C-alpha cells in the first residue's frame, strides 16, 4: 500500500502540464501530425514557468499554426500517458479569426496540418486525448 501511494505521489510530481486549443469547424478538428509520436495532436504544449493555462494555449497555438486564436472557453483537462510519461492536458475551445490561415510553423516537429472529421477519428493515428475528445464530442459530452 505504501509503495502504491509513493508511486502515485511520484507520478503527480512528475506530471507534465500541457495546455492547448481545440479548434472546430463544421465538425472537423484542427490537428497537427507530430513526427516524434507519429500521430495527430492538438496545437499546444508545455506550460512555462509563470504562465497561466490560457497564456500557454495562446502562445503554443500561435507558435505551431501561426494564428492568433480567440479563446472561447475552457473545456476540460485529460490525463494520459505516452511512452511512460504522465501528462495532464488542458483544452480550450478556440476560434481562428477571419483572414488567418493555419499553417505549419515548426516543420522540424510537425509534418502535416489537418482538419479531422471527428466521426472518422478511428481511421487516423491520433493522440490519446484527441481520441477521448472525439468520442466525448460525438457522444454529446462536450458543450461548445
Protein backbone atom coordinates (compact mmCIF):
# COMPACT_ATOMS: atom_id res chain seq x y z
CA UNK A 1 0.00 0.00 0.00
CA UNK A 2 2.81 2.43 0.89
CA UNK A 3 4.60 1.63 -2.38
CA UNK A 4 1.39 2.34 -4.33
CA UNK A 5 0.97 5.69 -2.60
CA UNK A 6 4.61 6.62 -3.26
CA UNK A 7 4.21 5.70 -6.94
CA UNK A 8 1.12 7.92 -7.22
CA UNK A 9 2.91 10.81 -5.49
CA UNK A 10 5.89 10.44 -7.85
CA UNK A 11 3.60 10.39 -10.90
CA UNK A 12 1.81 13.55 -9.79
CA UNK A 13 5.11 15.29 -9.02
CA UNK A 14 6.50 14.34 -12.46
CA UNK A 15 3.28 15.03 -14.38
CA UNK A 16 3.85 17.20 -17.46
CA UNK A 17 1.31 20.02 -17.69
CA UNK A 18 0.11 20.87 -21.20
CA UNK A 19 -2.33 23.42 -22.49
CA UNK A 20 -3.73 23.80 -25.97
CA UNK A 21 -6.66 24.59 -28.20
CA UNK A 22 -9.47 22.62 -29.73
CA UNK A 23 -10.37 24.45 -32.93
CA UNK A 24 -13.54 23.11 -34.53
CA UNK A 25 -15.12 23.98 -37.86
CA UNK A 26 -18.06 22.03 -39.32
CA UNK A 27 -17.49 19.04 -37.00
CA UNK A 28 -13.82 18.96 -38.01
CA UNK A 29 -10.98 19.34 -35.53
CA UNK A 30 -7.72 21.11 -36.45
CA UNK A 31 -4.76 18.84 -35.68
CA UNK A 32 -1.03 18.61 -36.34
CA UNK A 33 0.94 15.46 -37.22
CA UNK A 34 3.71 15.17 -34.61
CA UNK A 35 6.69 13.47 -36.25
CA UNK A 36 8.15 12.20 -32.97
CA UNK A 37 4.96 10.45 -31.83
CA UNK A 38 3.62 9.56 -35.29
CA UNK A 39 0.13 10.79 -34.54
CA UNK A 40 -2.17 13.78 -34.90
CA UNK A 41 -2.44 16.03 -31.86
CA UNK A 42 -3.92 19.34 -30.74
CA UNK A 43 -1.96 22.55 -31.14
CA UNK A 44 -0.49 23.26 -27.71
CA UNK A 45 2.38 22.41 -25.47
CA UNK A 46 4.13 22.59 -22.13
CA UNK A 47 3.31 25.27 -19.62
CA UNK A 48 6.28 27.54 -18.96
CA UNK A 49 7.12 28.97 -15.55
CA UNK A 50 4.89 31.92 -14.70
CA UNK A 51 2.35 31.25 -17.45
CA UNK A 52 -1.35 30.64 -16.97
CA UNK A 53 -3.06 27.78 -18.78
CA UNK A 54 -4.70 30.25 -21.15
CA UNK A 55 -1.43 32.06 -21.91
CA UNK A 56 0.21 28.74 -22.75
CA UNK A 57 -2.65 27.69 -25.04
CA UNK A 58 -2.47 31.01 -26.93
CA UNK A 59 1.34 31.08 -27.17
CA UNK A 60 1.75 27.45 -28.22
CA UNK A 61 -1.05 27.62 -30.77
CA UNK A 62 0.45 30.73 -32.38
CA UNK A 63 3.92 29.13 -32.40
CA UNK A 64 2.59 25.96 -34.05
CA UNK A 65 -0.06 27.19 -36.54
CA UNK A 66 0.76 30.89 -36.90
CA UNK A 67 -2.70 32.15 -35.90
CA UNK A 68 -3.66 34.42 -33.02
CA UNK A 69 -6.70 32.43 -31.96
CA UNK A 70 -9.52 33.70 -29.79
CA UNK A 71 -10.28 31.64 -26.67
CA UNK A 72 -13.99 30.90 -26.37
CA UNK A 73 -13.91 28.92 -23.10
CA UNK A 74 -12.07 26.37 -21.00
CA UNK A 75 -13.32 22.88 -21.80
CA UNK A 76 -11.60 20.36 -19.51
CA UNK A 77 -8.41 18.51 -18.77
CA UNK A 78 -7.49 14.92 -19.50
CA UNK A 79 -4.73 12.79 -18.01
CA UNK A 80 -2.92 10.35 -20.29
CA UNK A 81 0.36 8.53 -20.85
CA UNK A 82 2.72 8.47 -23.85
CA UNK A 83 5.96 6.49 -23.69
CA UNK A 84 5.64 6.12 -19.88
CA UNK A 85 5.32 9.91 -19.41
CA UNK A 86 2.32 11.18 -17.46
CA UNK A 87 0.56 14.22 -18.95
CA UNK A 88 -2.30 16.47 -17.89
CA UNK A 89 -3.61 18.23 -20.97
CA UNK A 90 -5.87 21.27 -20.57
CA UNK A 91 -8.08 22.22 -23.51
CA UNK A 92 -9.64 25.49 -24.53
CA UNK A 93 -12.22 25.87 -27.24
CA UNK A 94 -10.78 28.45 -29.63
CA UNK A 95 -11.59 30.10 -32.94
CA UNK A 96 -9.37 31.30 -35.75
CA UNK A 97 -10.29 34.89 -36.64
CA UNK A 98 -11.32 35.60 -40.25
CA UNK A 99 -8.43 36.20 -42.62
CA UNK A 100 -5.96 33.97 -40.76
CA UNK A 101 -4.98 30.65 -42.30
CA UNK A 102 -3.37 27.94 -40.15
CA UNK A 103 -0.07 26.57 -41.40
CA UNK A 104 2.82 24.55 -40.01
CA UNK A 105 5.22 26.95 -38.30
CA UNK A 106 7.55 24.30 -36.85
CA UNK A 107 8.31 21.89 -39.72
CA UNK A 108 11.04 20.23 -37.67
CA UNK A 109 8.31 18.99 -35.28
CA UNK A 110 5.21 18.68 -37.45
CA UNK A 111 4.65 17.10 -40.86
CA UNK A 112 1.04 17.96 -41.60
CA UNK A 113 -1.86 20.15 -40.55
CA UNK A 114 -5.27 18.57 -40.97
CA UNK A 115 -8.97 19.14 -40.35
CA UNK A 116 -10.02 15.78 -38.87
CA UNK A 117 -13.66 14.78 -39.42
CA UNK A 118 -14.34 13.84 -35.79
CA UNK A 119 -16.70 10.99 -36.61
CA UNK A 120 -13.85 9.35 -38.56
CA UNK A 121 -11.14 9.69 -35.89
CA UNK A 122 -10.72 5.88 -35.73
CA UNK A 123 -9.35 5.95 -39.28
CA UNK A 124 -6.34 8.02 -38.15
CA UNK A 125 -3.47 7.76 -35.71
CA UNK A 126 -4.39 10.30 -33.02
CA UNK A 127 -3.06 11.16 -29.57
CA UNK A 128 -4.95 9.58 -26.64
CA UNK A 129 -6.50 12.91 -25.63
CA UNK A 130 -7.68 13.52 -29.22
CA UNK A 131 -9.37 10.10 -29.23
CA UNK A 132 -11.12 10.91 -25.93
CA UNK A 133 -12.11 14.36 -27.19
CA UNK A 134 -13.65 12.99 -30.39
CA UNK A 135 -15.57 10.28 -28.52
CA UNK A 136 -16.89 12.82 -26.00
CA UNK A 137 -17.83 15.24 -28.79
CA UNK A 138 -19.64 12.54 -30.79
CA UNK A 139 -21.49 11.38 -27.64
CA UNK A 140 -22.60 14.91 -26.74
CA UNK A 141 -20.45 15.16 -23.61
CA UNK A 142 -18.71 18.35 -24.74
CA UNK A 143 -20.74 21.54 -24.77
CA UNK A 144 -19.47 24.08 -27.27
